[in-house]
Amino acid sequence: MPVSRRQLLLSSLLALPALILAPRSAQALGGPQPPLGEAAPDFSLPTDDGRDRLSLADFRGQWLVLYFYPKDGTPGCTLEAQRFQQDQTAYAERNAQVVGVSADDVSSHSRFRENEGLSYPLLADVKGEVSKRYGSWLAPFSLRHTYIIDPEGVLRASFTAVRPVIHSKEVLAKLDELQAA
């Protein structure tokens, strides 16, 4: 027997309180999140910054802010990228490197970096393989998620509800907290 629109709406409304009140799990839109306090998922992706590829191992000995974003040149992604760029001195003072990841290809990243004056690398995850490992994939795009990885390669923080306008400041505050611990 087919379900009516009214029945569907009613069942959705009845399920809403359970969704709102449910305890937070390690799940976000995009898939299961990698667990904090464990080794960050490994990656090796093409980059637009003159090096062939960048891997997680390339960042040993420094903090890594790995941020995933949907699309080069779109308003929210541009704003987020600009904010990370504006704060590059603050990241350097904290021995932290910022790296962006999206499903755009290397040539798109090159244009985006040049247009926005970005000094940090952007990685091309065109098939979404790394985005999937980080629970940040909703085909055909990477989702706007950010992860902080410590100098030993351990995942220390994640952000899945990112507001581009203030996000870089939130990440810096979290880095301060993690480095003070």
N, C-alpha and C. Protein backbone atom coordinates (compact mmCIF):
# COMPACT_ATOMS: atom_id res chain seq x y z
N MET A 1 0.85 -1.17 0.00
CA MET A 1 0.00 0.00 0.00
C MET A 1 0.90 1.24 0.00
N PRO A 2 0.68 2.19 -0.93
CA PRO A 2 1.52 3.38 -1.01
C PRO A 2 1.31 4.30 0.20
N VAL A 3 2.41 4.98 0.56
CA VAL A 3 2.37 5.92 1.68
C VAL A 3 1.95 7.28 1.15
N SER A 4 0.99 7.92 1.82
CA SER A 4 0.53 9.23 1.39
C SER A 4 1.51 10.30 1.84
N ARG A 5 1.44 11.45 1.22
CA ARG A 5 2.28 12.58 1.62
C ARG A 5 2.02 12.95 3.07
N ARG A 6 0.78 12.89 3.45
CA ARG A 6 0.41 13.24 4.82
C ARG A 6 1.05 12.28 5.83
N GLN A 7 1.02 10.98 5.52
CA GLN A 7 1.64 9.99 6.41
C GLN A 7 3.15 10.19 6.48
N LEU A 8 3.74 10.49 5.34
CA LEU A 8 5.18 10.73 5.30
C LEU A 8 5.55 11.96 6.12
N LEU A 9 4.81 13.04 5.96
CA LEU A 9 5.05 14.25 6.73
C LEU A 9 4.87 14.01 8.22
N LEU A 10 3.80 13.30 8.59
CA LEU A 10 3.54 13.01 9.99
C LEU A 10 4.66 12.17 10.60
N SER A 11 5.10 11.15 9.90
CA SER A 11 6.18 10.30 10.44
C SER A 11 7.48 11.09 10.54
N SER A 12 7.73 12.00 9.61
CA SER A 12 8.93 12.83 9.67
C SER A 12 8.89 13.76 10.87
N LEU A 13 7.73 14.36 11.11
CA LEU A 13 7.58 15.25 12.26
C LEU A 13 7.71 14.50 13.58
N LEU A 14 7.22 13.28 13.63
CA LEU A 14 7.34 12.48 14.85
C LEU A 14 8.78 12.07 15.11
N ALA A 15 9.55 11.89 14.06
CA ALA A 15 10.95 11.48 14.22
C ALA A 15 11.86 12.65 14.55
N LEU A 16 11.44 13.86 14.28
CA LEU A 16 12.28 15.04 14.49
C LEU A 16 12.79 15.19 15.92
N PRO A 17 11.95 15.07 16.96
CA PRO A 17 12.48 15.20 18.32
C PRO A 17 13.58 14.18 18.64
N ALA A 18 13.43 12.98 18.15
CA ALA A 18 14.45 11.96 18.40
C ALA A 18 15.77 12.35 17.75
N LEU A 19 15.69 12.92 16.57
CA LEU A 19 16.92 13.36 15.90
C LEU A 19 17.58 14.51 16.64
N ILE A 20 16.78 15.43 17.12
CA ILE A 20 17.31 16.60 17.83
C ILE A 20 17.91 16.20 19.17
N LEU A 21 17.25 15.31 19.88
CA LEU A 21 17.67 14.95 21.23
C LEU A 21 18.66 13.78 21.26
N ALA A 22 18.89 13.14 20.14
CA ALA A 22 19.78 11.98 20.11
C ALA A 22 21.21 12.41 20.47
N PRO A 23 21.94 11.56 21.18
CA PRO A 23 23.32 11.90 21.49
C PRO A 23 24.14 11.98 20.21
N ARG A 24 25.11 12.87 20.22
CA ARG A 24 25.96 13.03 19.05
C ARG A 24 26.84 11.80 18.88
N SER A 25 26.88 11.30 17.68
CA SER A 25 27.77 10.18 17.39
C SER A 25 28.87 10.68 16.48
N ALA A 26 29.75 9.79 16.12
CA ALA A 26 30.84 10.15 15.22
C ALA A 26 30.38 10.04 13.79
N GLN A 27 29.22 10.56 13.51
CA GLN A 27 28.63 10.53 12.18
C GLN A 27 28.28 11.96 11.81
N ALA A 28 28.55 12.33 10.59
CA ALA A 28 28.17 13.64 10.09
C ALA A 28 27.68 13.45 8.67
N LEU A 29 27.02 14.45 8.14
CA LEU A 29 26.65 14.38 6.74
C LEU A 29 27.94 14.14 5.98
N GLY A 30 27.99 13.10 5.21
CA GLY A 30 29.21 12.75 4.50
C GLY A 30 29.78 11.42 4.94
N GLY A 31 29.33 10.92 6.07
CA GLY A 31 29.79 9.60 6.50
C GLY A 31 30.39 9.58 7.87
N PRO A 32 30.86 8.40 8.29
CA PRO A 32 31.48 8.27 9.62
C PRO A 32 32.73 9.13 9.72
N GLN A 33 32.86 9.78 10.84
CA GLN A 33 34.03 10.61 11.09
C GLN A 33 35.18 9.77 11.64
N PRO A 34 36.40 10.07 11.25
CA PRO A 34 37.52 9.34 11.83
C PRO A 34 37.62 9.66 13.31
N PRO A 35 38.00 8.70 14.14
CA PRO A 35 38.01 8.91 15.58
C PRO A 35 39.14 9.84 16.05
N LEU A 36 38.78 10.74 16.95
CA LEU A 36 39.78 11.62 17.55
C LEU A 36 40.70 10.79 18.45
N GLY A 37 41.95 11.20 18.55
CA GLY A 37 42.91 10.53 19.41
C GLY A 37 43.58 9.34 18.74
N GLU A 38 43.25 9.08 17.50
CA GLU A 38 43.86 7.99 16.74
C GLU A 38 44.57 8.56 15.52
N ALA A 39 45.37 7.73 14.87
CA ALA A 39 46.09 8.17 13.67
C ALA A 39 45.10 8.71 12.63
N ALA A 40 45.44 9.85 12.07
CA ALA A 40 44.60 10.44 11.03
C ALA A 40 44.66 9.56 9.79
N PRO A 41 43.56 9.48 9.04
CA PRO A 41 43.59 8.71 7.80
C PRO A 41 44.69 9.23 6.86
N ASP A 42 45.45 8.32 6.32
CA ASP A 42 46.55 8.68 5.44
C ASP A 42 46.02 9.23 4.13
N PHE A 43 46.83 10.04 3.47
CA PHE A 43 46.46 10.54 2.15
C PHE A 43 47.72 10.85 1.36
N SER A 44 47.56 10.85 0.07
CA SER A 44 48.57 11.31 -0.88
C SER A 44 47.81 11.78 -2.10
N LEU A 45 47.84 13.08 -2.35
CA LEU A 45 47.04 13.66 -3.43
C LEU A 45 47.87 14.64 -4.25
N PRO A 46 47.51 14.81 -5.53
CA PRO A 46 48.17 15.81 -6.36
C PRO A 46 47.91 17.21 -5.82
N THR A 47 48.91 18.06 -5.98
CA THR A 47 48.80 19.43 -5.51
C THR A 47 49.08 20.42 -6.64
N ASP A 48 48.67 21.63 -6.42
CA ASP A 48 48.84 22.67 -7.44
C ASP A 48 50.04 23.56 -7.15
N ASP A 49 50.79 23.29 -6.09
CA ASP A 49 51.80 24.26 -5.65
C ASP A 49 53.22 23.98 -6.17
N GLY A 50 53.34 23.20 -7.22
CA GLY A 50 54.65 22.92 -7.79
C GLY A 50 55.23 21.58 -7.38
N ARG A 51 54.74 21.02 -6.29
CA ARG A 51 55.13 19.67 -5.91
C ARG A 51 54.17 18.71 -6.59
N ASP A 52 54.62 17.50 -6.84
CA ASP A 52 53.76 16.54 -7.54
C ASP A 52 52.58 16.12 -6.66
N ARG A 53 52.89 15.66 -5.44
CA ARG A 53 51.87 15.18 -4.51
C ARG A 53 52.26 15.61 -3.10
N LEU A 54 51.27 15.65 -2.24
CA LEU A 54 51.50 15.85 -0.81
C LEU A 54 50.82 14.73 -0.06
N SER A 55 51.49 14.26 0.98
CA SER A 55 51.00 13.17 1.81
C SER A 55 50.96 13.61 3.26
N LEU A 56 50.22 12.87 4.07
CA LEU A 56 50.17 13.15 5.50
C LEU A 56 51.58 13.16 6.09
N ALA A 57 52.42 12.23 5.66
CA ALA A 57 53.78 12.13 6.19
C ALA A 57 54.61 13.39 5.94
N ASP A 58 54.27 14.17 4.91
CA ASP A 58 55.00 15.40 4.62
C ASP A 58 54.84 16.45 5.71
N PHE A 59 53.87 16.27 6.60
CA PHE A 59 53.59 17.26 7.62
C PHE A 59 54.01 16.82 9.02
N ARG A 60 54.73 15.70 9.11
CA ARG A 60 55.25 15.25 10.41
C ARG A 60 56.09 16.37 11.02
N GLY A 61 55.93 16.54 12.32
CA GLY A 61 56.70 17.56 13.03
C GLY A 61 56.01 18.91 13.10
N GLN A 62 54.86 19.04 12.46
CA GLN A 62 54.09 20.29 12.56
C GLN A 62 52.61 19.96 12.62
N TRP A 63 51.84 20.90 13.10
CA TRP A 63 50.39 20.75 13.14
C TRP A 63 49.85 20.92 11.73
N LEU A 64 48.81 20.20 11.41
CA LEU A 64 48.18 20.29 10.09
C LEU A 64 46.71 20.63 10.25
N VAL A 65 46.29 21.68 9.57
CA VAL A 65 44.87 22.03 9.46
C VAL A 65 44.45 21.60 8.07
N LEU A 66 43.74 20.49 8.00
CA LEU A 66 43.30 19.91 6.74
C LEU A 66 41.83 20.26 6.56
N TYR A 67 41.56 21.16 5.62
CA TYR A 67 40.16 21.54 5.44
C TYR A 67 39.65 21.11 4.08
N PHE A 68 38.44 20.56 4.10
CA PHE A 68 37.75 20.11 2.91
C PHE A 68 36.71 21.16 2.55
N TYR A 69 36.54 21.40 1.26
CA TYR A 69 35.57 22.40 0.81
C TYR A 69 34.96 21.95 -0.52
N PRO A 70 33.76 22.45 -0.85
CA PRO A 70 33.05 21.95 -2.02
C PRO A 70 33.63 22.33 -3.39
N LYS A 71 33.94 23.62 -3.62
CA LYS A 71 34.23 24.01 -5.01
C LYS A 71 35.05 25.30 -5.06
N ASP A 72 36.11 25.27 -5.86
CA ASP A 72 36.92 26.47 -6.08
C ASP A 72 36.06 27.61 -6.64
N GLY A 73 36.29 28.80 -6.12
CA GLY A 73 35.68 30.00 -6.69
C GLY A 73 34.25 30.28 -6.30
N THR A 74 33.62 29.44 -5.50
CA THR A 74 32.25 29.72 -5.07
C THR A 74 32.31 30.66 -3.86
N PRO A 75 31.24 31.38 -3.57
CA PRO A 75 31.30 32.41 -2.52
C PRO A 75 31.77 31.91 -1.15
N GLY A 76 31.16 30.86 -0.62
CA GLY A 76 31.55 30.37 0.71
C GLY A 76 32.96 29.83 0.73
N CYS A 77 33.34 29.11 -0.31
CA CYS A 77 34.68 28.52 -0.37
C CYS A 77 35.74 29.61 -0.53
N THR A 78 35.42 30.62 -1.31
CA THR A 78 36.36 31.74 -1.48
C THR A 78 36.54 32.47 -0.16
N LEU A 79 35.46 32.74 0.55
CA LEU A 79 35.54 33.42 1.84
C LEU A 79 36.36 32.61 2.83
N GLU A 80 36.10 31.31 2.90
CA GLU A 80 36.85 30.45 3.82
C GLU A 80 38.34 30.46 3.47
N ALA A 81 38.66 30.32 2.19
CA ALA A 81 40.06 30.33 1.75
C ALA A 81 40.73 31.67 2.08
N GLN A 82 40.03 32.76 1.86
CA GLN A 82 40.58 34.09 2.16
C GLN A 82 40.87 34.24 3.65
N ARG A 83 39.98 33.76 4.50
CA ARG A 83 40.18 33.87 5.95
C ARG A 83 41.40 33.05 6.39
N PHE A 84 41.55 31.84 5.86
CA PHE A 84 42.74 31.06 6.18
C PHE A 84 43.99 31.80 5.70
N GLN A 85 43.92 32.42 4.53
CA GLN A 85 45.08 33.17 4.01
C GLN A 85 45.40 34.36 4.91
N GLN A 86 44.39 35.10 5.33
CA GLN A 86 44.61 36.27 6.20
C GLN A 86 45.31 35.88 7.49
N ASP A 87 45.09 34.67 7.96
CA ASP A 87 45.64 34.22 9.24
C ASP A 87 46.91 33.38 9.09
N GLN A 88 47.54 33.39 7.92
CA GLN A 88 48.72 32.55 7.71
C GLN A 88 49.84 32.82 8.71
N THR A 89 50.06 34.06 9.08
CA THR A 89 51.10 34.39 10.07
C THR A 89 50.78 33.74 11.40
N ALA A 90 49.53 33.78 11.81
CA ALA A 90 49.12 33.16 13.08
C ALA A 90 49.31 31.65 13.04
N TYR A 91 49.04 31.03 11.91
CA TYR A 91 49.27 29.58 11.79
C TYR A 91 50.76 29.27 11.86
N ALA A 92 51.56 30.06 11.18
CA ALA A 92 53.02 29.84 11.21
C ALA A 92 53.55 29.97 12.63
N GLU A 93 53.03 30.93 13.40
CA GLU A 93 53.44 31.10 14.79
C GLU A 93 53.10 29.89 15.64
N ARG A 94 52.14 29.12 15.23
CA ARG A 94 51.71 27.92 15.96
C ARG A 94 52.28 26.63 15.35
N ASN A 95 53.26 26.79 14.44
CA ASN A 95 53.87 25.65 13.76
C ASN A 95 52.79 24.80 13.08
N ALA A 96 51.86 25.48 12.41
CA ALA A 96 50.74 24.80 11.74
C ALA A 96 50.71 25.15 10.26
N GLN A 97 50.41 24.16 9.46
CA GLN A 97 50.26 24.32 8.01
C GLN A 97 48.80 24.12 7.65
N VAL A 98 48.28 24.99 6.82
CA VAL A 98 46.91 24.87 6.31
C VAL A 98 46.98 24.22 4.93
N VAL A 99 46.09 23.26 4.69
CA VAL A 99 45.99 22.59 3.39
C VAL A 99 44.51 22.42 3.06
N GLY A 100 44.11 22.84 1.86
CA GLY A 100 42.74 22.67 1.41
C GLY A 100 42.60 21.46 0.50
N VAL A 101 41.43 20.83 0.55
CA VAL A 101 41.14 19.65 -0.28
C VAL A 101 39.75 19.80 -0.88
N SER A 102 39.65 19.59 -2.19
CA SER A 102 38.33 19.52 -2.83
C SER A 102 38.42 18.58 -4.02
N ALA A 103 37.29 18.33 -4.64
CA ALA A 103 37.22 17.44 -5.80
C ALA A 103 37.63 18.13 -7.09
N ASP A 104 37.95 19.41 -7.02
CA ASP A 104 38.42 20.12 -8.21
C ASP A 104 39.79 19.60 -8.61
N ASP A 105 40.12 19.73 -9.90
CA ASP A 105 41.41 19.24 -10.38
C ASP A 105 42.52 20.26 -10.13
N VAL A 106 43.74 19.86 -10.42
CA VAL A 106 44.92 20.68 -10.15
C VAL A 106 44.86 22.02 -10.89
N SER A 107 44.41 22.02 -12.14
CA SER A 107 44.36 23.29 -12.89
C SER A 107 43.33 24.25 -12.30
N SER A 108 42.22 23.74 -11.82
CA SER A 108 41.23 24.59 -11.15
C SER A 108 41.82 25.18 -9.87
N HIS A 109 42.52 24.33 -9.12
CA HIS A 109 43.18 24.81 -7.89
C HIS A 109 44.20 25.90 -8.21
N SER A 110 44.96 25.74 -9.27
CA SER A 110 45.97 26.74 -9.63
C SER A 110 45.32 28.09 -9.91
N ARG A 111 44.24 28.07 -10.67
CA ARG A 111 43.53 29.33 -10.97
C ARG A 111 42.97 29.95 -9.68
N PHE A 112 42.37 29.12 -8.84
CA PHE A 112 41.78 29.60 -7.58
C PHE A 112 42.86 30.21 -6.68
N ARG A 113 43.98 29.50 -6.53
CA ARG A 113 45.07 30.04 -5.69
C ARG A 113 45.58 31.36 -6.25
N GLU A 114 45.76 31.42 -7.55
CA GLU A 114 46.27 32.65 -8.17
C GLU A 114 45.26 33.80 -8.01
N ASN A 115 43.99 33.53 -8.29
CA ASN A 115 42.96 34.57 -8.18
C ASN A 115 42.82 35.12 -6.77
N GLU A 116 42.99 34.24 -5.77
CA GLU A 116 42.78 34.65 -4.37
C GLU A 116 44.08 34.94 -3.63
N GLY A 117 45.22 34.75 -4.28
CA GLY A 117 46.51 35.02 -3.62
C GLY A 117 46.79 34.07 -2.47
N LEU A 118 46.42 32.80 -2.63
CA LEU A 118 46.60 31.83 -1.55
C LEU A 118 48.04 31.31 -1.56
N SER A 119 48.64 31.24 -0.38
CA SER A 119 50.03 30.77 -0.28
C SER A 119 50.12 29.33 0.19
N TYR A 120 49.02 28.73 0.57
CA TYR A 120 49.03 27.36 1.06
C TYR A 120 48.53 26.41 -0.04
N PRO A 121 48.90 25.13 0.05
CA PRO A 121 48.55 24.18 -1.01
C PRO A 121 47.09 23.76 -1.00
N LEU A 122 46.61 23.43 -2.19
CA LEU A 122 45.29 22.85 -2.38
C LEU A 122 45.50 21.48 -3.04
N LEU A 123 44.81 20.48 -2.53
CA LEU A 123 44.96 19.12 -3.02
C LEU A 123 43.75 18.70 -3.83
N ALA A 124 44.01 17.98 -4.92
CA ALA A 124 42.95 17.55 -5.85
C ALA A 124 42.51 16.12 -5.51
N ASP A 125 41.33 16.02 -4.92
CA ASP A 125 40.73 14.72 -4.57
C ASP A 125 39.58 14.46 -5.54
N VAL A 126 39.91 14.34 -6.83
CA VAL A 126 38.87 14.33 -7.86
C VAL A 126 37.91 13.14 -7.76
N LYS A 127 38.34 12.04 -7.20
CA LYS A 127 37.45 10.88 -7.04
C LYS A 127 36.84 10.82 -5.64
N GLY A 128 37.23 11.72 -4.76
CA GLY A 128 36.66 11.76 -3.41
C GLY A 128 37.19 10.69 -2.48
N GLU A 129 38.26 10.02 -2.84
CA GLU A 129 38.75 8.91 -2.01
C GLU A 129 39.20 9.35 -0.63
N VAL A 130 39.94 10.44 -0.55
CA VAL A 130 40.40 10.94 0.75
C VAL A 130 39.24 11.58 1.50
N SER A 131 38.41 12.31 0.79
CA SER A 131 37.23 12.91 1.42
C SER A 131 36.37 11.84 2.08
N LYS A 132 36.23 10.68 1.43
CA LYS A 132 35.46 9.57 2.00
C LYS A 132 36.11 9.07 3.29
N ARG A 133 37.45 8.95 3.30
CA ARG A 133 38.14 8.48 4.50
C ARG A 133 37.93 9.42 5.69
N TYR A 134 37.70 10.69 5.39
CA TYR A 134 37.49 11.68 6.45
C TYR A 134 36.00 11.95 6.69
N GLY A 135 35.12 11.18 6.07
CA GLY A 135 33.68 11.37 6.27
C GLY A 135 33.21 12.70 5.74
N SER A 136 33.83 13.16 4.66
CA SER A 136 33.56 14.49 4.12
C SER A 136 33.20 14.45 2.64
N TRP A 137 32.43 13.45 2.24
CA TRP A 137 32.11 13.29 0.82
C TRP A 137 30.61 13.15 0.63
N LEU A 138 30.07 13.97 -0.23
CA LEU A 138 28.70 13.87 -0.70
C LEU A 138 28.78 14.10 -2.20
N ALA A 139 28.93 13.01 -2.94
CA ALA A 139 29.23 13.07 -4.37
C ALA A 139 28.35 14.09 -5.08
N PRO A 140 28.94 14.90 -5.92
CA PRO A 140 30.32 14.88 -6.39
C PRO A 140 31.24 15.88 -5.66
N PHE A 141 30.92 16.25 -4.44
CA PHE A 141 31.67 17.29 -3.74
C PHE A 141 32.23 16.82 -2.40
N SER A 142 33.34 17.45 -2.02
CA SER A 142 33.81 17.35 -0.64
C SER A 142 32.92 18.29 0.18
N LEU A 143 32.68 17.93 1.41
CA LEU A 143 31.88 18.78 2.30
C LEU A 143 32.79 19.72 3.06
N ARG A 144 32.21 20.74 3.64
CA ARG A 144 32.98 21.75 4.36
C ARG A 144 33.26 21.25 5.79
N HIS A 145 34.32 20.48 5.92
CA HIS A 145 34.78 19.94 7.20
C HIS A 145 36.25 20.28 7.37
N THR A 146 36.69 20.39 8.62
CA THR A 146 38.10 20.68 8.92
C THR A 146 38.59 19.76 10.02
N TYR A 147 39.85 19.37 9.91
CA TYR A 147 40.48 18.46 10.87
C TYR A 147 41.82 19.03 11.29
N ILE A 148 42.11 18.93 12.58
CA ILE A 148 43.42 19.33 13.09
C ILE A 148 44.17 18.06 13.44
N ILE A 149 45.36 17.93 12.88
CA ILE A 149 46.22 16.76 13.06
C ILE A 149 47.49 17.23 13.75
N ASP A 150 47.90 16.53 14.80
CA ASP A 150 49.08 16.96 15.56
C ASP A 150 50.38 16.56 14.84
N PRO A 151 51.53 17.01 15.36
CA PRO A 151 52.81 16.74 14.70
C PRO A 151 53.17 15.26 14.58
N GLU A 152 52.51 14.40 15.34
CA GLU A 152 52.76 12.95 15.25
C GLU A 152 51.76 12.26 14.32
N GLY A 153 50.85 13.01 13.72
CA GLY A 153 49.89 12.42 12.80
C GLY A 153 48.61 11.94 13.45
N VAL A 154 48.34 12.38 14.68
CA VAL A 154 47.14 11.98 15.40
C VAL A 154 46.05 13.03 15.21
N LEU A 155 44.85 12.57 14.91
CA LEU A 155 43.71 13.47 14.73
C LEU A 155 43.28 14.01 16.09
N ARG A 156 43.30 15.32 16.25
CA ARG A 156 42.99 15.95 17.53
C ARG A 156 41.67 16.72 17.58
N ALA A 157 41.17 17.18 16.45
CA ALA A 157 39.92 17.95 16.46
C ALA A 157 39.27 17.88 15.09
N SER A 158 37.94 18.00 15.09
CA SER A 158 37.21 18.05 13.82
C SER A 158 36.12 19.10 13.93
N PHE A 159 35.81 19.68 12.80
CA PHE A 159 34.76 20.69 12.68
C PHE A 159 33.87 20.27 11.52
N THR A 160 32.61 20.00 11.80
CA THR A 160 31.68 19.59 10.74
C THR A 160 30.55 20.59 10.53
N ALA A 161 30.49 21.61 11.35
CA ALA A 161 29.49 22.67 11.19
C ALA A 161 30.27 23.98 11.00
N VAL A 162 30.80 24.15 9.81
CA VAL A 162 31.72 25.24 9.52
C VAL A 162 30.98 26.46 8.99
N ARG A 163 31.27 27.61 9.58
CA ARG A 163 30.78 28.90 9.08
C ARG A 163 32.00 29.64 8.54
N PRO A 164 32.13 29.77 7.22
CA PRO A 164 33.35 30.30 6.61
C PRO A 164 33.83 31.63 7.16
N VAL A 165 32.91 32.49 7.52
CA VAL A 165 33.29 33.84 7.98
C VAL A 165 34.14 33.82 9.26
N ILE A 166 33.89 32.89 10.16
CA ILE A 166 34.60 32.86 11.45
C ILE A 166 35.45 31.60 11.64
N HIS A 167 35.44 30.74 10.66
CA HIS A 167 36.03 29.42 10.87
C HIS A 167 37.52 29.46 11.18
N SER A 168 38.29 30.24 10.47
CA SER A 168 39.73 30.28 10.71
C SER A 168 40.03 30.69 12.16
N LYS A 169 39.29 31.63 12.67
CA LYS A 169 39.48 32.06 14.08
C LYS A 169 39.13 30.93 15.04
N GLU A 170 38.08 30.15 14.72
CA GLU A 170 37.72 29.00 15.56
C GLU A 170 38.85 27.96 15.56
N VAL A 171 39.43 27.73 14.40
CA VAL A 171 40.52 26.76 14.29
C VAL A 171 41.73 27.24 15.07
N LEU A 172 42.06 28.51 14.97
CA LEU A 172 43.19 29.05 15.73
C LEU A 172 42.97 28.91 17.23
N ALA A 173 41.76 29.19 17.68
CA ALA A 173 41.45 29.04 19.11
C ALA A 173 41.60 27.59 19.55
N LYS A 174 41.15 26.66 18.72
CA LYS A 174 41.28 25.23 19.05
C LYS A 174 42.74 24.80 19.06
N LEU A 175 43.53 25.32 18.13
CA LEU A 175 44.97 25.02 18.12
C LEU A 175 45.61 25.52 19.41
N ASP A 176 45.24 26.72 19.84
CA ASP A 176 45.78 27.25 21.11
C ASP A 176 45.44 26.32 22.27
N GLU A 177 44.19 25.89 22.30
CA GLU A 177 43.74 24.97 23.36
C GLU A 177 44.51 23.65 23.33
N LEU A 178 44.66 23.08 22.16
CA LEU A 178 45.37 21.80 22.02
C LEU A 178 46.84 21.94 22.36
N GLN A 179 47.45 23.03 21.96
CA GLN A 179 48.88 23.21 22.21
C GLN A 179 49.17 23.55 23.66
N ALA A 180 48.18 24.07 24.37
CA ALA A 180 48.37 24.40 25.79
C ALA A 180 48.20 23.17 26.69
N ALA A 181 47.56 22.14 26.16
CA ALA A 181 47.28 20.94 26.96
C ALA A 181 48.52 20.11 27.20
